[in-house]
Structures are given as structure tokens and as C-alpha cells.
Amino acid sequence: MPAARTAGLGAALLSAATFGTSGALAASLLDAGWTPGAAVTVRVGLAALVLTVPALLALRGHGAALRRSSRSVLVYGLVAVAGTQLFYFNAVSRLSVGVALLLEFSGALLVVLWLWVRRGQRPRRLTLAGSALAVAGLVLVLDLAGEQRLDPVGVLWGLAGAAGLAVYFVLAAESDGALPPLVLVWGGLAVGALALLAAAASGLLAFSAPRTDVELLGARVSWLVPVLALSLVAAVVAYLAGFRAARLLGARLASFVGLTEVLFAVAFAWLLLGQVPRPVQLVGGALVLAGVALVRVGELREPSAARAVLAEQPAPTG
């Protein structure tokens, strides 16, 4: 089990790091006239295409399992992939980016609440303390000091994004293993891409993607460079690693390790865009890591008998 936990932590950090590249990579496209909706739709759609052949090969002999898991795949694609992106963009249209991100990443707290209500996994004091530290750290990392716009509708969109993020971790952790993770991730990305395309076609999602050179790392490069990096690194690798992490660590710990995505995003913005983090952001990063560590210690101290009972409980079906 310790080896599995170590592998899970590694996968969670890999997922957070690769997801964290998306901001800096997308910035080059946005500066060239791309809309956020276009960037994420192309990212998710191309990732689904890349995984199609490997997923179909992995699907051989699992047709019945795919039919049984079709509901989970649809929810994963519509809510965890497409929904989270749409909710976040709507939140950003009414709130500052920092506030919108803080609301979305509060999804880790929703995971704790869900596991308490549906699975009887009452959070320990260390988990609650870690949650408080991590949220305080996010406030500092996102540099929320000063006047912030708190539009009520924007806050609701942000909380919807948090729910989508929670669904992402819960579904991945509670999958029964009947389908290979590659197939579930591919199915979710394909459903999400179709939903995003439908949103763009209906006008719900602004879509503009000029095929022009972009600025990246101080040089002019083809728009294909950030698009391929977004699709292969920030989608294919990120979603596959995140799914594996949730299965090995459980939804609660995986969601809190996922908070380090914000730290990686700040680091990549520093390396790729020259945006030097402020000292208060470094302090916030330390608090986030301390919060994640407390949640991890709380998991280790959970009575082994309780863990065994919880492991035997079937995942909820509704």
C-alpha cells in the first residue's frame, strides 16, 4: 500500500504540474486573439482525438463494461470536463480571475463534504486544519488583496465550477475498475469536446481562433506549438495522471494535492512569461503545501478498521 500511495502522490503532482502549464501556454494564444472558449475546446477536442486509437485498442473485450459505465462517462464529460470549463469562464466574465480560481478550487472542500455525507467519512481535525491552511494559502497565492468584485451571479458560476471539480475527483476515485482508465478519460474528453462545440455553435461560448504566429518564450512560433502542448501535456497527460491519482489516493487526498496546480501555474508563468511571484505568493504556496501535508497526515491516522469498512462499501450509484 505505501508503494501505491507514493505512486499516487507522484501521479497527483504530475497532473497538477501539467494542468498548471495551461495558463502560460493559453496566454500566448489569448494574446494572439484566441478566445478562452476556443483554446479549451481545441485543447479538449485534440486530446480526445489523440487518445482515440489507444482507447479503442484498450476497449477490446470491454464493450459490456462501457455500456454499464456510460452514465459515469457522460457525467464525467459533461460536468467534470465541459461543465467546469464553462462555469469557470462565466465566473471570470463577472469576477476577477483570482476570485474565480479560489471559488473553483474550493471544490476540494466539497469533496470532503461529499465523502462525509455519502460515505460516512467524517473529516478528522487534521483534515479540517489542513483545509483551512490550504484555503488561506490560495488566497495569498492568488493575490486577492485589495478591492474585489463580488457579483452574486459570478459567485454562483464559480461555485458551480467547484462542484464540477469535485465531480472530477469523486468519479475518478469511485470508478469500479471495470473499464481501463484510458477508456474512461477518452470517453469523458470526447463527450466534453462535443459539449463545448455545441456550446460554441449555440453562441453560449465565444469562439475565435486565428491561425497566426504567437509569442512564446520570447520568440515568435506557430500557433500549433502552444495548441499541441495544451492538448498533449495539459490535457492527455494531465487527465490520465489525475485519474490514476484519484484511484490510488482517494478523492479527498487527490483533490487537496490538486491544489498545487495553482503553485505550478505561478511557477510556469514565472519561467515562461517572466511574471515574478510576489513574496506574499511564496508564503501562500508554503501554506498550501502545509495544508496538503496535514490532510495527508490525517489520512494516515484514520483508523485502519474504519478504512477497511469504507473500502468494502459499494460506490453510490446515484
Protein backbone atom coordinates (compact mmCIF):
# COMPACT_ATOMS: atom_id res chain seq x y z
CA MET A 1 0.00 0.00 0.00
CA PRO A 2 2.80 2.55 0.76
CA ALA A 3 4.14 1.98 -2.76
CA ALA A 4 0.68 2.63 -4.21
CA ARG A 5 0.36 5.80 -2.13
CA THR A 6 3.74 7.01 -3.32
CA ALA A 7 2.79 6.31 -6.92
CA GLY A 8 -0.49 8.13 -6.33
CA LEU A 9 1.25 11.20 -4.94
CA GLY A 10 3.60 11.21 -7.91
CA ALA A 11 0.67 10.97 -10.33
CA ALA A 12 -1.19 13.74 -8.49
CA LEU A 13 1.80 16.08 -8.65
CA LEU A 14 2.35 15.23 -12.33
CA SER A 15 -1.30 16.00 -13.02
CA ALA A 16 -1.13 19.30 -11.11
CA ALA A 17 2.09 20.31 -12.86
CA THR A 18 0.80 19.53 -16.34
CA PHE A 19 -2.54 21.20 -15.67
CA GLY A 20 -0.52 24.14 -14.34
CA THR A 21 1.14 24.70 -17.74
CA SER A 22 -2.20 25.53 -19.34
CA GLY A 23 -2.33 29.15 -18.14
CA ALA A 24 1.05 30.15 -19.53
CA LEU A 25 0.50 28.24 -22.79
CA ALA A 26 -3.01 29.60 -23.29
CA ALA A 27 -1.79 33.16 -22.61
CA SER A 28 0.18 33.13 -25.87
CA LEU A 29 -2.98 32.16 -27.78
CA LEU A 30 -5.17 34.69 -25.97
CA ASP A 31 -2.68 37.48 -26.75
CA ALA A 32 -2.95 36.48 -30.43
CA GLY A 33 -6.74 36.89 -30.43
CA TRP A 34 -7.97 33.47 -29.37
CA THR A 35 -10.95 33.38 -27.02
CA PRO A 36 -10.67 31.23 -23.87
CA GLY A 37 -13.52 29.07 -25.14
CA ALA A 38 -11.71 28.37 -28.39
CA ALA A 39 -8.49 27.47 -26.58
CA VAL A 40 -10.14 24.97 -24.25
CA THR A 41 -12.36 23.46 -26.97
CA VAL A 42 -9.40 22.81 -29.26
CA ARG A 43 -7.37 21.53 -26.31
CA VAL A 44 -10.01 19.02 -25.21
CA GLY A 45 -11.03 18.02 -28.75
CA LEU A 46 -7.50 17.35 -29.95
CA ALA A 47 -6.73 15.40 -26.76
CA ALA A 48 -9.76 13.19 -27.42
CA LEU A 49 -8.58 12.59 -30.99
CA VAL A 50 -5.06 11.68 -29.83
CA LEU A 51 -6.45 9.11 -27.38
CA THR A 52 -8.98 7.59 -29.80
CA VAL A 53 -6.84 4.79 -31.28
CA PRO A 54 -5.19 3.76 -27.96
CA ALA A 55 -8.60 3.86 -26.24
CA LEU A 56 -10.26 1.72 -28.91
CA LEU A 57 -7.46 -0.83 -28.61
CA ALA A 58 -7.86 -0.86 -24.82
CA LEU A 59 -11.63 -1.18 -25.21
CA ARG A 60 -11.45 -4.60 -26.87
CA GLY A 61 -13.34 -7.08 -24.72
CA HIS A 62 -14.82 -4.33 -22.52
CA GLY A 63 -17.89 -3.43 -24.58
CA ALA A 64 -20.33 -4.54 -21.89
CA ALA A 65 -18.39 -2.63 -19.24
CA LEU A 66 -18.55 0.51 -21.37
CA ARG A 67 -22.33 0.21 -21.60
CA ARG A 68 -22.59 -0.22 -17.84
CA SER A 69 -20.33 2.79 -17.28
CA SER A 70 -21.95 5.01 -19.91
CA ARG A 71 -23.65 7.17 -17.27
CA SER A 72 -20.35 7.83 -15.48
CA VAL A 73 -18.65 8.68 -18.78
CA LEU A 74 -21.41 11.13 -19.68
CA VAL A 75 -21.32 12.82 -16.28
CA TYR A 76 -17.53 12.94 -16.37
CA GLY A 77 -17.52 14.56 -19.82
CA LEU A 78 -20.45 16.93 -19.37
CA VAL A 79 -19.80 18.04 -15.79
CA ALA A 80 -16.13 17.41 -14.93
CA VAL A 81 -14.66 18.37 -18.33
CA ALA A 82 -17.01 20.67 -20.26
CA GLY A 83 -19.09 21.99 -17.36
CA THR A 84 -16.14 23.01 -15.20
CA GLN A 85 -14.62 24.96 -18.08
CA LEU A 86 -17.87 26.71 -19.00
CA PHE A 87 -18.67 27.55 -15.38
CA TYR A 88 -15.19 28.98 -14.85
CA PHE A 89 -15.32 31.17 -17.97
CA ASN A 90 -18.74 32.51 -16.95
CA ALA A 91 -17.36 33.25 -13.47
CA VAL A 92 -14.38 35.12 -14.95
CA SER A 93 -16.75 37.25 -17.02
CA ARG A 94 -18.19 38.64 -13.77
CA LEU A 95 -15.36 38.23 -11.22
CA SER A 96 -11.63 38.75 -11.09
CA VAL A 97 -9.55 35.74 -12.18
CA GLY A 98 -8.20 35.28 -8.65
CA VAL A 99 -11.63 35.11 -7.04
CA ALA A 100 -12.93 32.78 -9.77
CA LEU A 101 -9.97 30.42 -9.24
CA LEU A 102 -10.41 30.48 -5.46
CA LEU A 103 -14.08 29.52 -5.85
CA GLU A 104 -13.29 26.74 -8.33
CA PHE A 105 -10.56 25.19 -6.19
CA SER A 106 -12.87 25.20 -3.17
CA GLY A 107 -14.06 22.00 -4.86
CA ALA A 108 -11.58 20.19 -2.58
CA LEU A 109 -13.79 21.20 0.37
CA LEU A 110 -16.86 19.90 -1.45
CA VAL A 111 -15.10 16.54 -1.82
CA VAL A 112 -14.63 16.40 1.97
CA LEU A 113 -18.31 17.26 2.48
CA TRP A 114 -19.46 14.68 -0.10
CA LEU A 115 -17.42 11.87 1.47
CA TRP A 116 -18.79 12.80 4.90
CA VAL A 117 -22.45 12.88 3.80
CA ARG A 118 -22.48 9.97 1.32
CA ARG A 119 -19.74 7.66 2.62
CA GLY A 120 -19.68 8.48 6.34
CA GLN A 121 -16.02 9.56 6.17
CA ARG A 122 -16.15 12.23 8.85
CA PRO A 123 -13.14 14.57 8.44
CA ARG A 124 -10.57 14.45 11.22
CA ARG A 125 -9.30 17.58 12.93
CA LEU A 126 -6.10 17.46 10.91
CA THR A 127 -8.12 17.38 7.68
CA LEU A 128 -10.14 20.42 8.78
CA ALA A 129 -6.96 22.25 9.83
CA GLY A 130 -5.31 21.36 6.54
CA SER A 131 -8.36 22.61 4.64
CA ALA A 132 -8.21 25.96 6.43
CA LEU A 133 -4.46 26.33 5.81
CA ALA A 134 -4.79 25.40 2.14
CA VAL A 135 -7.61 27.90 1.53
CA ALA A 136 -5.66 30.64 3.33
CA GLY A 137 -2.65 29.81 1.16
CA LEU A 138 -4.73 30.01 -2.01
CA VAL A 139 -5.94 33.48 -1.03
CA LEU A 140 -2.31 34.62 -0.78
CA VAL A 141 -1.08 32.82 -3.91
CA LEU A 142 -3.90 34.28 -5.99
CA ASP A 143 -3.05 37.72 -4.58
CA LEU A 144 -6.60 38.64 -3.62
CA ALA A 145 -5.59 41.67 -1.56
CA GLY A 146 -7.40 44.84 -2.50
CA GLU A 147 -10.82 45.58 -3.90
CA GLN A 148 -12.54 42.63 -5.50
CA ARG A 149 -15.78 42.47 -7.48
CA LEU A 150 -18.22 40.03 -5.88
CA ASP A 151 -21.04 39.78 -8.38
CA PRO A 152 -23.60 37.28 -6.94
CA VAL A 153 -24.17 35.59 -10.30
CA GLY A 154 -20.42 35.28 -10.82
CA VAL A 155 -20.06 33.69 -7.38
CA LEU A 156 -22.72 31.13 -8.31
CA TRP A 157 -20.86 30.31 -11.53
CA GLY A 158 -17.65 29.91 -9.53
CA LEU A 159 -19.31 27.56 -7.06
CA ALA A 160 -20.71 25.56 -9.99
CA GLY A 161 -17.11 25.23 -11.22
CA ALA A 162 -16.13 23.97 -7.75
CA ALA A 163 -18.86 21.32 -7.98
CA GLY A 164 -17.55 20.26 -11.39
CA LEU A 165 -14.03 19.94 -9.99
CA ALA A 166 -15.34 17.83 -7.10
CA VAL A 167 -17.19 15.56 -9.55
CA TYR A 168 -13.91 15.06 -11.43
CA PHE A 169 -12.14 13.67 -8.34
CA VAL A 170 -15.10 11.71 -6.94
CA LEU A 171 -15.92 9.93 -10.21
CA ALA A 172 -12.28 9.01 -10.80
CA ALA A 173 -11.86 7.66 -7.27
CA GLU A 174 -15.13 5.71 -7.23
CA SER A 175 -14.85 4.06 -10.66
CA ASP A 176 -15.18 0.29 -10.24
CA GLY A 177 -12.20 -0.61 -12.40
CA ALA A 178 -14.28 -2.49 -14.95
CA LEU A 179 -13.06 -0.14 -17.67
CA PRO A 180 -9.42 0.81 -18.29
CA PRO A 181 -8.76 4.39 -17.06
CA LEU A 182 -7.62 5.29 -20.60
CA VAL A 183 -11.09 4.47 -21.97
CA LEU A 184 -12.89 6.46 -19.27
CA VAL A 185 -10.67 9.50 -19.77
CA TRP A 186 -11.03 9.30 -23.56
CA GLY A 187 -14.80 8.95 -23.30
CA GLY A 188 -15.02 11.92 -20.94
CA LEU A 189 -12.83 14.10 -23.17
CA ALA A 190 -14.85 13.15 -26.27
CA VAL A 191 -18.16 13.95 -24.56
CA GLY A 192 -16.69 17.17 -23.18
CA ALA A 193 -15.39 18.23 -26.59
CA LEU A 194 -18.79 17.64 -28.21
CA ALA A 195 -20.49 19.63 -25.45
CA LEU A 196 -18.05 22.53 -25.85
CA LEU A 197 -18.53 22.51 -29.63
CA ALA A 198 -22.29 22.58 -29.12
CA ALA A 199 -21.92 25.50 -26.71
CA ALA A 200 -19.79 27.37 -29.25
CA ALA A 201 -22.26 26.66 -32.08
CA SER A 202 -25.16 27.94 -29.97
CA GLY A 203 -23.32 31.14 -29.05
CA LEU A 204 -23.07 30.22 -25.36
CA LEU A 205 -19.29 30.05 -25.73
CA ALA A 206 -17.41 32.75 -27.65
CA PHE A 207 -15.16 31.08 -30.26
CA SER A 208 -12.38 32.77 -32.19
CA ALA A 209 -9.13 31.02 -33.18
CA PRO A 210 -6.96 33.00 -35.62
CA ARG A 211 -4.19 30.86 -37.13
CA THR A 212 -1.32 33.25 -36.65
CA ASP A 213 2.12 33.13 -35.07
CA VAL A 214 2.23 33.68 -31.31
CA GLU A 215 4.77 34.92 -28.75
CA LEU A 216 6.19 32.18 -26.52
CA LEU A 217 9.42 32.21 -24.52
CA GLY A 218 10.39 35.48 -26.17
CA ALA A 219 10.15 34.09 -29.70
CA ARG A 220 7.57 34.01 -32.48
CA VAL A 221 6.33 30.47 -33.05
CA SER A 222 3.45 28.83 -34.88
CA TRP A 223 0.11 28.71 -33.09
CA LEU A 224 0.40 24.93 -33.36
CA VAL A 225 3.15 24.87 -30.71
CA PRO A 226 1.01 26.02 -27.75
CA VAL A 227 -2.02 24.15 -29.11
CA LEU A 228 -0.14 20.84 -29.23
CA ALA A 229 1.39 21.45 -25.80
CA LEU A 230 -2.04 22.28 -24.35
CA SER A 231 -3.56 19.14 -25.85
CA LEU A 232 -0.78 16.62 -25.22
CA VAL A 233 0.64 17.91 -21.93
CA ALA A 234 -2.13 19.92 -20.25
CA ALA A 235 -4.91 17.53 -21.29
CA VAL A 236 -3.78 14.00 -22.24
CA VAL A 237 -1.07 13.63 -19.58
CA ALA A 238 -2.90 15.78 -17.02
CA TYR A 239 -6.22 13.91 -17.15
CA LEU A 240 -4.67 10.44 -17.27
CA ALA A 241 -2.35 11.21 -14.33
CA GLY A 242 -5.19 12.83 -12.38
CA PHE A 243 -7.45 9.81 -12.88
CA ARG A 244 -4.74 7.44 -11.68
CA ALA A 245 -4.01 9.65 -8.68
CA ALA A 246 -7.65 9.70 -7.60
CA ARG A 247 -7.85 5.91 -7.83
CA LEU A 248 -4.70 5.40 -5.75
CA LEU A 249 -5.17 8.19 -3.19
CA GLY A 250 -8.92 8.54 -2.98
CA ALA A 251 -10.89 11.65 -3.88
CA ARG A 252 -10.11 13.61 -0.71
CA LEU A 253 -6.31 13.49 -0.73
CA ALA A 254 -6.08 13.69 -4.54
CA SER A 255 -8.22 16.84 -4.58
CA PHE A 256 -6.01 18.55 -2.00
CA VAL A 257 -2.79 17.61 -3.79
CA GLY A 258 -4.51 19.03 -6.87
CA LEU A 259 -4.43 22.47 -5.21
CA THR A 260 -0.72 22.58 -6.05
CA GLU A 261 -1.81 23.22 -9.63
CA VAL A 262 -2.07 26.90 -8.67
CA LEU A 263 1.53 26.85 -7.42
CA PHE A 264 2.74 25.22 -10.62
CA ALA A 265 0.78 27.78 -12.65
CA VAL A 266 2.56 30.62 -10.85
CA ALA A 267 5.92 28.90 -11.39
CA PHE A 268 5.34 28.36 -15.11
CA ALA A 269 4.16 31.94 -15.51
CA TRP A 270 7.48 32.95 -13.94
CA LEU A 271 9.56 30.67 -16.18
CA LEU A 272 7.67 31.11 -19.45
CA LEU A 273 6.26 34.62 -19.18
CA GLY A 274 8.64 36.35 -16.77
CA GLN A 275 5.89 37.04 -14.21
CA VAL A 276 7.91 37.04 -10.97
CA PRO A 277 5.81 35.94 -7.96
CA ARG A 278 5.49 38.35 -5.05
CA PRO A 279 6.80 37.34 -1.59
CA VAL A 280 3.23 37.02 -0.29
CA GLN A 281 2.56 34.45 -3.01
CA LEU A 282 5.55 32.40 -1.88
CA VAL A 283 4.19 32.47 1.68
CA GLY A 284 0.82 31.35 0.33
CA GLY A 285 2.47 28.48 -1.51
CA ALA A 286 4.06 27.30 1.71
CA LEU A 287 0.65 27.38 3.43
CA VAL A 288 -0.95 25.35 0.64
CA LEU A 289 1.77 22.70 0.93
CA ALA A 290 1.41 22.67 4.72
CA GLY A 291 -2.34 22.22 4.35
CA VAL A 292 -1.90 19.30 1.94
CA ALA A 293 0.61 17.72 4.36
CA LEU A 294 -1.90 17.96 7.23
CA VAL A 295 -4.61 16.31 5.14
CA ARG A 296 -2.14 13.55 4.27
CA VAL A 297 -1.23 13.01 7.95
CA GLY A 298 -4.92 12.94 8.82
CA GLU A 299 -5.47 10.18 6.25
CA LEU A 300 -2.59 8.16 7.69
CA ARG A 301 -4.05 8.43 11.19
CA GLU A 302 -7.51 7.27 10.10
CA PRO A 303 -8.19 4.01 11.95
CA SER A 304 -7.31 1.04 9.78
CA ALA A 305 -10.54 -0.73 10.69
CA ALA A 306 -12.59 2.23 9.51
CA ARG A 307 -10.65 2.32 6.26
CA ALA A 308 -11.36 -1.37 5.71
CA VAL A 309 -15.09 -0.90 6.29
CA LEU A 310 -15.21 2.07 3.95
CA ALA A 311 -13.28 0.19 1.29
CA GLU A 312 -15.89 -2.58 1.35
CA GLN A 313 -18.80 -0.16 0.88
CA PRO A 314 -20.07 -0.03 -2.70
CA ALA A 315 -19.74 3.25 -4.54
CA PRO A 316 -23.01 5.22 -4.69
CA THR A 317 -24.94 4.77 -7.91
CA GLY A 318 -26.93 7.96 -7.82
